[in-house]
All heavy atoms as atom14 arrays in JSON, in Angstrom:
{
  "sequence": "LALSACSASGQDNTDSLQVVANPVAVKPAVSPAVTTKPSGQVLATP",
  "atom14_mask": [
    [1, 1, 1, 1, 1, 1, 1, 1, 0, 0, 0, 0, 0, 0],
    [1, 1, 1, 1, 1, 0, 0, 0, 0, 0, 0, 0, 0, 0],
    [1, 1, 1, 1, 1, 1, 1, 1, 0, 0, 0, 0, 0, 0],
    [1, 1, 1, 1, 1, 1, 0, 0, 0, 0, 0, 0, 0, 0],
    [1, 1, 1, 1, 1, 0, 0, 0, 0, 0, 0, 0, 0, 0],
    [1, 1, 1, 1, 1, 1, 0, 0, 0, 0, 0, 0, 0, 0],
    [1, 1, 1, 1, 1, 1, 0, 0, 0, 0, 0, 0, 0, 0],
    [1, 1, 1, 1, 1, 0, 0, 0, 0, 0, 0, 0, 0, 0],
    [1, 1, 1, 1, 1, 1, 0, 0, 0, 0, 0, 0, 0, 0],
    [1, 1, 1, 1, 0, 0, 0, 0, 0, 0, 0, 0, 0, 0],
    [1, 1, 1, 1, 1, 1, 1, 1, 1, 0, 0, 0, 0, 0],
    [1, 1, 1, 1, 1, 1, 1, 1, 0, 0, 0, 0, 0, 0],
    [1, 1, 1, 1, 1, 1, 1, 1, 0, 0, 0, 0, 0, 0],
    [1, 1, 1, 1, 1, 1, 1, 0, 0, 0, 0, 0, 0, 0],
    [1, 1, 1, 1, 1, 1, 1, 1, 0, 0, 0, 0, 0, 0],
    [1, 1, 1, 1, 1, 1, 0, 0, 0, 0, 0, 0, 0, 0],
    [1, 1, 1, 1, 1, 1, 1, 1, 0, 0, 0, 0, 0, 0],
    [1, 1, 1, 1, 1, 1, 1, 1, 1, 0, 0, 0, 0, 0],
    [1, 1, 1, 1, 1, 1, 1, 0, 0, 0, 0, 0, 0, 0],
    [1, 1, 1, 1, 1, 1, 1, 0, 0, 0, 0, 0, 0, 0],
    [1, 1, 1, 1, 1, 0, 0, 0, 0, 0, 0, 0, 0, 0],
    [1, 1, 1, 1, 1, 1, 1, 1, 0, 0, 0, 0, 0, 0],
    [1, 1, 1, 1, 1, 1, 1, 0, 0, 0, 0, 0, 0, 0],
    [1, 1, 1, 1, 1, 1, 1, 0, 0, 0, 0, 0, 0, 0],
    [1, 1, 1, 1, 1, 0, 0, 0, 0, 0, 0, 0, 0, 0],
    [1, 1, 1, 1, 1, 1, 1, 0, 0, 0, 0, 0, 0, 0],
    [1, 1, 1, 1, 1, 1, 1, 1, 1, 0, 0, 0, 0, 0],
    [1, 1, 1, 1, 1, 1, 1, 0, 0, 0, 0, 0, 0, 0],
    [1, 1, 1, 1, 1, 0, 0, 0, 0, 0, 0, 0, 0, 0],
    [1, 1, 1, 1, 1, 1, 1, 0, 0, 0, 0, 0, 0, 0],
    [1, 1, 1, 1, 1, 1, 0, 0, 0, 0, 0, 0, 0, 0],
    [1, 1, 1, 1, 1, 1, 1, 0, 0, 0, 0, 0, 0, 0],
    [1, 1, 1, 1, 1, 0, 0, 0, 0, 0, 0, 0, 0, 0],
    [1, 1, 1, 1, 1, 1, 1, 0, 0, 0, 0, 0, 0, 0],
    [1, 1, 1, 1, 1, 1, 1, 0, 0, 0, 0, 0, 0, 0],
    [1, 1, 1, 1, 1, 1, 1, 0, 0, 0, 0, 0, 0, 0],
    [1, 1, 1, 1, 1, 1, 1, 1, 1, 0, 0, 0, 0, 0],
    [1, 1, 1, 1, 1, 1, 1, 0, 0, 0, 0, 0, 0, 0],
    [1, 1, 1, 1, 1, 1, 0, 0, 0, 0, 0, 0, 0, 0],
    [1, 1, 1, 1, 0, 0, 0, 0, 0, 0, 0, 0, 0, 0],
    [1, 1, 1, 1, 1, 1, 1, 1, 1, 0, 0, 0, 0, 0],
    [1, 1, 1, 1, 1, 1, 1, 0, 0, 0, 0, 0, 0, 0],
    [1, 1, 1, 1, 1, 1, 1, 1, 0, 0, 0, 0, 0, 0],
    [1, 1, 1, 1, 1, 0, 0, 0, 0, 0, 0, 0, 0, 0],
    [1, 1, 1, 1, 1, 1, 1, 0, 0, 0, 0, 0, 0, 0],
    [1, 1, 1, 1, 1, 1, 1, 0, 0, 0, 0, 0, 0, 0]
  ],
  "atom14_positions": [
    [[218.15, -1.36, 201.91], [216.73, -1.12, 202.1], [216.31, -1.28, 203.55], [216.75, -2.18, 204.25], [215.93, -2.11, 201.25], [215.95, -1.83, 199.76], [215.16, -2.9, 199.05], [215.37, -0.47, 199.46], [0.0, 0.0, 0.0], [0.0, 0.0, 0.0], [0.0, 0.0, 0.0], [0.0, 0.0, 0.0], [0.0, 0.0, 0.0], [0.0, 0.0, 0.0]],
    [[215.45, -0.37, 203.96], [214.77, -0.52, 205.24], [213.3, -0.73, 204.88], [212.54, 0.21, 204.78], [214.95, 0.7, 206.11], [0.0, 0.0, 0.0], [0.0, 0.0, 0.0], [0.0, 0.0, 0.0], [0.0, 0.0, 0.0], [0.0, 0.0, 0.0], [0.0, 0.0, 0.0], [0.0, 0.0, 0.0], [0.0, 0.0, 0.0], [0.0, 0.0, 0.0]],
    [[212.92, -1.97, 204.67], [211.61, -2.25, 204.09], [210.47, -1.74, 204.96], [209.48, -1.22, 204.45], [211.46, -3.76, 203.88], [212.48, -4.4, 202.92], [212.14, -5.87, 202.77], [212.49, -3.7, 201.59], [0.0, 0.0, 0.0], [0.0, 0.0, 0.0], [0.0, 0.0, 0.0], [0.0, 0.0, 0.0], [0.0, 0.0, 0.0], [0.0, 0.0, 0.0]],
    [[210.62, -1.84, 206.25], [209.53, -1.41, 207.12], [209.34, 0.1, 207.1], [208.29, 0.6, 207.5], [209.8, -1.87, 208.55], [211.0, -1.28, 209.03], [0.0, 0.0, 0.0], [0.0, 0.0, 0.0], [0.0, 0.0, 0.0], [0.0, 0.0, 0.0], [0.0, 0.0, 0.0], [0.0, 0.0, 0.0], [0.0, 0.0, 0.0], [0.0, 0.0, 0.0]],
    [[210.35, 0.84, 206.63], [210.27, 2.29, 206.65], [209.62, 2.88, 205.42], [209.32, 4.05, 205.38], [211.67, 2.88, 206.8], [0.0, 0.0, 0.0], [0.0, 0.0, 0.0], [0.0, 0.0, 0.0], [0.0, 0.0, 0.0], [0.0, 0.0, 0.0], [0.0, 0.0, 0.0], [0.0, 0.0, 0.0], [0.0, 0.0, 0.0], [0.0, 0.0, 0.0]],
    [[209.38, 2.09, 204.41], [208.86, 2.59, 203.14], [207.34, 2.54, 203.16], [206.75, 1.47, 203.3], [209.39, 1.77, 201.98], [208.79, 2.32, 200.38], [0.0, 0.0, 0.0], [0.0, 0.0, 0.0], [0.0, 0.0, 0.0], [0.0, 0.0, 0.0], [0.0, 0.0, 0.0], [0.0, 0.0, 0.0], [0.0, 0.0, 0.0], [0.0, 0.0, 0.0]],
    [[206.71, 3.69, 203.03], [205.26, 3.72, 202.99], [204.75, 3.31, 201.64], [205.49, 3.28, 200.66], [204.76, 5.13, 203.31], [205.08, 6.01, 202.26], [0.0, 0.0, 0.0], [0.0, 0.0, 0.0], [0.0, 0.0, 0.0], [0.0, 0.0, 0.0], [0.0, 0.0, 0.0], [0.0, 0.0, 0.0], [0.0, 0.0, 0.0], [0.0, 0.0, 0.0]],
    [[203.48, 2.99, 201.53], [202.91, 2.55, 200.26], [203.0, 3.64, 199.22], [203.14, 3.37, 198.03], [201.45, 2.14, 200.48], [0.0, 0.0, 0.0], [0.0, 0.0, 0.0], [0.0, 0.0, 0.0], [0.0, 0.0, 0.0], [0.0, 0.0, 0.0], [0.0, 0.0, 0.0], [0.0, 0.0, 0.0], [0.0, 0.0, 0.0], [0.0, 0.0, 0.0]],
    [[202.92, 4.89, 199.64], [202.98, 5.99, 198.67], [204.39, 6.34, 198.29], [204.63, 7.09, 197.35], [202.31, 7.24, 199.26], [203.03, 7.68, 200.41], [0.0, 0.0, 0.0], [0.0, 0.0, 0.0], [0.0, 0.0, 0.0], [0.0, 0.0, 0.0], [0.0, 0.0, 0.0], [0.0, 0.0, 0.0], [0.0, 0.0, 0.0], [0.0, 0.0, 0.0]],
    [[205.38, 5.8, 199.0], [206.76, 6.1, 198.69], [207.18, 7.48, 199.15], [208.14, 8.03, 198.63], [0.0, 0.0, 0.0], [0.0, 0.0, 0.0], [0.0, 0.0, 0.0], [0.0, 0.0, 0.0], [0.0, 0.0, 0.0], [0.0, 0.0, 0.0], [0.0, 0.0, 0.0], [0.0, 0.0, 0.0], [0.0, 0.0, 0.0], [0.0, 0.0, 0.0]],
    [[206.52, 8.07, 200.15], [206.84, 9.41, 200.56], [207.3, 9.49, 202.02], [207.32, 10.56, 202.61], [205.63, 10.33, 200.35], [205.09, 10.31, 198.94], [206.12, 10.75, 197.94], [206.75, 11.78, 198.11], [206.33, 9.96, 196.91], [0.0, 0.0, 0.0], [0.0, 0.0, 0.0], [0.0, 0.0, 0.0], [0.0, 0.0, 0.0], [0.0, 0.0, 0.0]],
    [[207.67, 8.39, 202.62], [208.07, 8.38, 204.02], [209.54, 8.78, 204.12], [210.41, 8.13, 203.59], [207.87, 6.96, 204.59], [208.01, 6.94, 206.1], [208.79, 7.75, 206.63], [207.33, 6.1, 206.72], [0.0, 0.0, 0.0], [0.0, 0.0, 0.0], [0.0, 0.0, 0.0], [0.0, 0.0, 0.0], [0.0, 0.0, 0.0], [0.0, 0.0, 0.0]],
    [[209.84, 9.86, 204.87], [211.19, 10.37, 204.95], [212.12, 9.47, 205.75], [213.33, 9.74, 205.81], [211.19, 11.78, 205.56], [210.63, 12.81, 204.59], [210.69, 12.61, 203.39], [210.08, 13.89, 205.12], [0.0, 0.0, 0.0], [0.0, 0.0, 0.0], [0.0, 0.0, 0.0], [0.0, 0.0, 0.0], [0.0, 0.0, 0.0], [0.0, 0.0, 0.0]],
    [[211.6, 8.42, 206.44], [212.47, 7.51, 207.15], [213.04, 6.44, 206.24], [213.86, 5.65, 206.66], [211.71, 6.83, 208.3], [210.62, 6.07, 207.76], [211.16, 7.86, 209.27], [0.0, 0.0, 0.0], [0.0, 0.0, 0.0], [0.0, 0.0, 0.0], [0.0, 0.0, 0.0], [0.0, 0.0, 0.0], [0.0, 0.0, 0.0], [0.0, 0.0, 0.0]],
    [[212.63, 6.42, 205.0], [213.15, 5.46, 204.02], [214.6, 5.79, 203.74], [214.93, 6.89, 203.3], [212.31, 5.54, 202.75], [212.76, 4.58, 201.67], [213.79, 3.9, 201.86], [212.09, 4.51, 200.64], [0.0, 0.0, 0.0], [0.0, 0.0, 0.0], [0.0, 0.0, 0.0], [0.0, 0.0, 0.0], [0.0, 0.0, 0.0], [0.0, 0.0, 0.0]],
    [[215.5, 4.85, 203.97], [216.93, 5.12, 203.84], [217.38, 5.34, 202.41], [218.49, 5.82, 202.17], [217.74, 3.96, 204.44], [217.49, 2.76, 203.73], [0.0, 0.0, 0.0], [0.0, 0.0, 0.0], [0.0, 0.0, 0.0], [0.0, 0.0, 0.0], [0.0, 0.0, 0.0], [0.0, 0.0, 0.0], [0.0, 0.0, 0.0], [0.0, 0.0, 0.0]],
    [[216.55, 4.99, 201.43], [216.93, 5.2, 200.03], [216.38, 6.49, 199.46], [216.79, 6.9, 198.38], [216.45, 4.03, 199.16], [217.13, 2.69, 199.37], [216.7, 1.72, 198.29], [218.63, 2.81, 199.4], [0.0, 0.0, 0.0], [0.0, 0.0, 0.0], [0.0, 0.0, 0.0], [0.0, 0.0, 0.0], [0.0, 0.0, 0.0], [0.0, 0.0, 0.0]],
    [[215.46, 7.13, 200.16], [214.8, 8.29, 199.59], [215.65, 9.54, 199.78], [216.14, 9.81, 200.87], [213.42, 8.49, 200.2], [212.61, 9.57, 199.51], [211.14, 9.49, 199.87], [210.59, 8.4, 199.93], [210.53, 10.61, 200.11], [0.0, 0.0, 0.0], [0.0, 0.0, 0.0], [0.0, 0.0, 0.0], [0.0, 0.0, 0.0], [0.0, 0.0, 0.0]],
    [[215.81, 10.33, 198.73], [216.66, 11.51, 198.76], [215.88, 12.74, 199.2], [216.34, 13.53, 200.01], [217.28, 11.76, 197.37], [218.23, 12.94, 197.41], [218.0, 10.51, 196.88], [0.0, 0.0, 0.0], [0.0, 0.0, 0.0], [0.0, 0.0, 0.0], [0.0, 0.0, 0.0], [0.0, 0.0, 0.0], [0.0, 0.0, 0.0], [0.0, 0.0, 0.0]],
    [[214.67, 12.93, 198.66], [213.84, 14.09, 198.97], [212.42, 13.62, 199.27], [212.05, 12.49, 198.98], [213.83, 15.09, 197.78], [215.2, 15.67, 197.56], [213.31, 14.43, 196.53], [0.0, 0.0, 0.0], [0.0, 0.0, 0.0], [0.0, 0.0, 0.0], [0.0, 0.0, 0.0], [0.0, 0.0, 0.0], [0.0, 0.0, 0.0], [0.0, 0.0, 0.0]],
    [[211.63, 14.55, 199.84], [210.26, 14.18, 200.24], [209.37, 13.88, 199.05], [208.53, 13.0, 199.1], [209.66, 15.31, 201.07], [0.0, 0.0, 0.0], [0.0, 0.0, 0.0], [0.0, 0.0, 0.0], [0.0, 0.0, 0.0], [0.0, 0.0, 0.0], [0.0, 0.0, 0.0], [0.0, 0.0, 0.0], [0.0, 0.0, 0.0], [0.0, 0.0, 0.0]],
    [[209.55, 14.62, 197.96], [208.72, 14.41, 196.78], [209.61, 14.17, 195.56], [209.9, 15.09, 194.79], [207.83, 15.64, 196.55], [206.86, 15.87, 197.7], [205.96, 15.08, 197.91], [207.09, 16.94, 198.45], [0.0, 0.0, 0.0], [0.0, 0.0, 0.0], [0.0, 0.0, 0.0], [0.0, 0.0, 0.0], [0.0, 0.0, 0.0], [0.0, 0.0, 0.0]],
    [[210.07, 12.95, 195.38], [211.05, 12.67, 194.33], [210.48, 12.87, 192.93], [209.3, 12.62, 192.67], [211.41, 11.2, 194.56], [210.23, 10.62, 195.3], [209.72, 11.75, 196.15], [0.0, 0.0, 0.0], [0.0, 0.0, 0.0], [0.0, 0.0, 0.0], [0.0, 0.0, 0.0], [0.0, 0.0, 0.0], [0.0, 0.0, 0.0], [0.0, 0.0, 0.0]],
    [[211.34, 13.32, 192.03], [211.0, 13.54, 190.64], [212.06, 12.86, 189.79], [213.27, 13.0, 190.05], [210.93, 15.04, 190.3], [210.66, 15.25, 188.82], [209.87, 15.74, 191.15], [0.0, 0.0, 0.0], [0.0, 0.0, 0.0], [0.0, 0.0, 0.0], [0.0, 0.0, 0.0], [0.0, 0.0, 0.0], [0.0, 0.0, 0.0], [0.0, 0.0, 0.0]],
    [[211.66, 12.12, 188.77], [212.61, 11.45, 187.9], [213.47, 12.47, 187.16], [212.99, 13.52, 186.72], [211.88, 10.55, 186.9], [0.0, 0.0, 0.0], [0.0, 0.0, 0.0], [0.0, 0.0, 0.0], [0.0, 0.0, 0.0], [0.0, 0.0, 0.0], [0.0, 0.0, 0.0], [0.0, 0.0, 0.0], [0.0, 0.0, 0.0], [0.0, 0.0, 0.0]],
    [[214.74, 12.15, 187.02], [215.68, 13.06, 186.37], [215.42, 13.13, 184.86], [214.93, 12.18, 184.25], [217.13, 12.6, 186.64], [217.46, 11.34, 185.85], [218.12, 13.7, 186.34], [0.0, 0.0, 0.0], [0.0, 0.0, 0.0], [0.0, 0.0, 0.0], [0.0, 0.0, 0.0], [0.0, 0.0, 0.0], [0.0, 0.0, 0.0], [0.0, 0.0, 0.0]],
    [[215.74, 14.29, 184.28], [215.66, 14.48, 182.83], [217.03, 14.89, 182.32], [217.86, 15.39, 183.08], [214.62, 15.55, 182.49], [213.19, 15.16, 182.84], [212.21, 16.26, 182.42], [210.78, 15.85, 182.75], [209.8, 16.89, 182.35], [0.0, 0.0, 0.0], [0.0, 0.0, 0.0], [0.0, 0.0, 0.0], [0.0, 0.0, 0.0], [0.0, 0.0, 0.0]],
    [[217.29, 14.7, 181.04], [218.6, 15.1, 180.51], [218.77, 16.61, 180.56], [217.8, 17.36, 180.42], [218.56, 14.59, 179.07], [217.12, 14.49, 178.72], [216.43, 14.1, 179.99], [0.0, 0.0, 0.0], [0.0, 0.0, 0.0], [0.0, 0.0, 0.0], [0.0, 0.0, 0.0], [0.0, 0.0, 0.0], [0.0, 0.0, 0.0], [0.0, 0.0, 0.0]],
    [[220.0, 17.04, 180.75], [220.29, 18.47, 180.68], [219.99, 18.97, 179.27], [220.23, 18.27, 178.28], [221.76, 18.72, 181.02], [0.0, 0.0, 0.0], [0.0, 0.0, 0.0], [0.0, 0.0, 0.0], [0.0, 0.0, 0.0], [0.0, 0.0, 0.0], [0.0, 0.0, 0.0], [0.0, 0.0, 0.0], [0.0, 0.0, 0.0], [0.0, 0.0, 0.0]],
    [[219.43, 20.17, 179.19], [219.12, 20.76, 177.88], [220.41, 21.18, 177.2], [221.25, 21.87, 177.79], [218.17, 21.96, 178.04], [217.91, 22.62, 176.7], [216.86, 21.52, 178.69], [0.0, 0.0, 0.0], [0.0, 0.0, 0.0], [0.0, 0.0, 0.0], [0.0, 0.0, 0.0], [0.0, 0.0, 0.0], [0.0, 0.0, 0.0], [0.0, 0.0, 0.0]],
    [[220.57, 20.77, 175.95], [221.8, 21.04, 175.22], [221.84, 22.47, 174.69], [220.82, 23.01, 174.26], [221.95, 20.08, 174.05], [222.1, 18.76, 174.49], [0.0, 0.0, 0.0], [0.0, 0.0, 0.0], [0.0, 0.0, 0.0], [0.0, 0.0, 0.0], [0.0, 0.0, 0.0], [0.0, 0.0, 0.0], [0.0, 0.0, 0.0], [0.0, 0.0, 0.0]],
    [[223.03, 23.05, 174.67], [223.18, 24.35, 174.0], [223.22, 24.15, 172.49], [223.26, 23.02, 172.0], [224.54, 24.83, 174.52], [225.3, 23.56, 174.77], [224.28, 22.57, 175.26], [0.0, 0.0, 0.0], [0.0, 0.0, 0.0], [0.0, 0.0, 0.0], [0.0, 0.0, 0.0], [0.0, 0.0, 0.0], [0.0, 0.0, 0.0], [0.0, 0.0, 0.0]],
    [[223.22, 25.24, 171.75], [223.37, 25.16, 170.3], [224.74, 24.58, 169.97], [225.71, 24.77, 170.7], [223.22, 26.54, 169.68], [0.0, 0.0, 0.0], [0.0, 0.0, 0.0], [0.0, 0.0, 0.0], [0.0, 0.0, 0.0], [0.0, 0.0, 0.0], [0.0, 0.0, 0.0], [0.0, 0.0, 0.0], [0.0, 0.0, 0.0], [0.0, 0.0, 0.0]],
    [[224.81, 23.85, 168.88], [226.07, 23.23, 168.44], [227.01, 24.32, 167.93], [226.66, 25.1, 167.05], [225.82, 22.18, 167.35], [227.13, 21.69, 166.75], [225.02, 21.01, 167.93], [0.0, 0.0, 0.0], [0.0, 0.0, 0.0], [0.0, 0.0, 0.0], [0.0, 0.0, 0.0], [0.0, 0.0, 0.0], [0.0, 0.0, 0.0], [0.0, 0.0, 0.0]],
    [[228.21, 24.36, 168.51], [229.22, 25.33, 168.06], [230.43, 24.66, 167.42], [231.23, 25.33, 166.79], [229.69, 26.18, 169.25], [230.2, 25.32, 170.28], [228.55, 27.02, 169.81], [0.0, 0.0, 0.0], [0.0, 0.0, 0.0], [0.0, 0.0, 0.0], [0.0, 0.0, 0.0], [0.0, 0.0, 0.0], [0.0, 0.0, 0.0], [0.0, 0.0, 0.0]],
    [[230.55, 23.33, 167.61], [231.64, 22.56, 167.01], [231.04, 21.51, 166.1], [230.09, 20.82, 166.49], [232.49, 21.88, 168.1], [233.0, 22.87, 168.99], [233.66, 21.12, 167.47], [0.0, 0.0, 0.0], [0.0, 0.0, 0.0], [0.0, 0.0, 0.0], [0.0, 0.0, 0.0], [0.0, 0.0, 0.0], [0.0, 0.0, 0.0], [0.0, 0.0, 0.0]],
    [[231.55, 21.38, 164.91], [231.02, 20.41, 163.96], [231.06, 19.0, 164.56], [232.1, 18.57, 165.05], [231.82, 20.45, 162.66], [231.31, 19.48, 161.61], [232.15, 19.54, 160.33], [231.65, 18.53, 159.31], [232.49, 18.56, 158.07], [0.0, 0.0, 0.0], [0.0, 0.0, 0.0], [0.0, 0.0, 0.0], [0.0, 0.0, 0.0], [0.0, 0.0, 0.0]],
    [[229.95, 18.27, 164.52], [229.94, 16.9, 165.03], [230.94, 16.02, 164.29], [231.12, 16.14, 163.08], [228.5, 16.43, 164.78], [227.71, 17.69, 164.72], [228.61, 18.7, 164.08], [0.0, 0.0, 0.0], [0.0, 0.0, 0.0], [0.0, 0.0, 0.0], [0.0, 0.0, 0.0], [0.0, 0.0, 0.0], [0.0, 0.0, 0.0], [0.0, 0.0, 0.0]],
    [[231.6, 15.15, 165.03], [232.57, 14.23, 164.44], [231.88, 13.2, 163.56], [230.71, 12.87, 163.76], [233.36, 13.51, 165.53], [234.12, 14.42, 166.29], [0.0, 0.0, 0.0], [0.0, 0.0, 0.0], [0.0, 0.0, 0.0], [0.0, 0.0, 0.0], [0.0, 0.0, 0.0], [0.0, 0.0, 0.0], [0.0, 0.0, 0.0], [0.0, 0.0, 0.0]],
    [[232.62, 12.68, 162.6], [232.13, 11.58, 161.78], [231.04, 11.98, 160.81], [231.0, 13.11, 160.31], [0.0, 0.0, 0.0], [0.0, 0.0, 0.0], [0.0, 0.0, 0.0], [0.0, 0.0, 0.0], [0.0, 0.0, 0.0], [0.0, 0.0, 0.0], [0.0, 0.0, 0.0], [0.0, 0.0, 0.0], [0.0, 0.0, 0.0], [0.0, 0.0, 0.0]],
    [[230.14, 11.04, 160.55], [229.05, 11.21, 159.59], [227.74, 11.42, 160.33], [227.51, 10.83, 161.39], [228.95, 9.95, 158.71], [227.8, 9.93, 157.73], [227.66, 8.57, 157.04], [228.31, 7.61, 157.41], [226.8, 8.51, 156.04], [0.0, 0.0, 0.0], [0.0, 0.0, 0.0], [0.0, 0.0, 0.0], [0.0, 0.0, 0.0], [0.0, 0.0, 0.0]],
    [[226.86, 12.27, 159.79], [225.55, 12.49, 160.39], [224.48, 12.08, 159.39], [224.4, 12.63, 158.3], [225.35, 13.95, 160.82], [223.95, 14.14, 161.4], [226.4, 14.36, 161.85], [0.0, 0.0, 0.0], [0.0, 0.0, 0.0], [0.0, 0.0, 0.0], [0.0, 0.0, 0.0], [0.0, 0.0, 0.0], [0.0, 0.0, 0.0], [0.0, 0.0, 0.0]],
    [[223.66, 11.1, 159.77], [222.55, 10.64, 158.95], [221.33, 11.5, 159.26], [221.05, 11.79, 160.43], [222.23, 9.17, 159.24], [223.4, 8.18, 159.19], [222.92, 6.8, 159.63], [224.01, 8.13, 157.8], [0.0, 0.0, 0.0], [0.0, 0.0, 0.0], [0.0, 0.0, 0.0], [0.0, 0.0, 0.0], [0.0, 0.0, 0.0], [0.0, 0.0, 0.0]],
    [[220.59, 11.88, 158.25], [219.39, 12.69, 158.46], [218.29, 11.81, 159.04], [217.83, 10.86, 158.4], [218.94, 13.3, 157.14], [0.0, 0.0, 0.0], [0.0, 0.0, 0.0], [0.0, 0.0, 0.0], [0.0, 0.0, 0.0], [0.0, 0.0, 0.0], [0.0, 0.0, 0.0], [0.0, 0.0, 0.0], [0.0, 0.0, 0.0], [0.0, 0.0, 0.0]],
    [[217.87, 12.09, 160.27], [216.77, 11.37, 160.91], [215.94, 12.37, 161.71], [216.44, 13.4, 162.16], [217.26, 10.26, 161.86], [218.09, 10.85, 162.88], [218.05, 9.2, 161.11], [0.0, 0.0, 0.0], [0.0, 0.0, 0.0], [0.0, 0.0, 0.0], [0.0, 0.0, 0.0], [0.0, 0.0, 0.0], [0.0, 0.0, 0.0], [0.0, 0.0, 0.0]],
    [[214.65, 12.05, 161.94], [213.86, 12.85, 162.88], [214.42, 12.68, 164.3], [215.42, 11.98, 164.52], [212.46, 12.25, 162.74], [212.47, 11.49, 161.46], [213.87, 11.0, 161.29], [0.0, 0.0, 0.0], [0.0, 0.0, 0.0], [0.0, 0.0, 0.0], [0.0, 0.0, 0.0], [0.0, 0.0, 0.0], [0.0, 0.0, 0.0], [0.0, 0.0, 0.0]]
  ]
}
């Protein structure tokens, strides 16, 4: 951490931990349709 480099808004590009100017939290990759039967047992749940 470079504490002095981090602005209150978290958008200062001199921050050594920041990857991009406007960071966005990652989301899981969208899965394709299932083409192989799932292993084991599958319980019916929402």
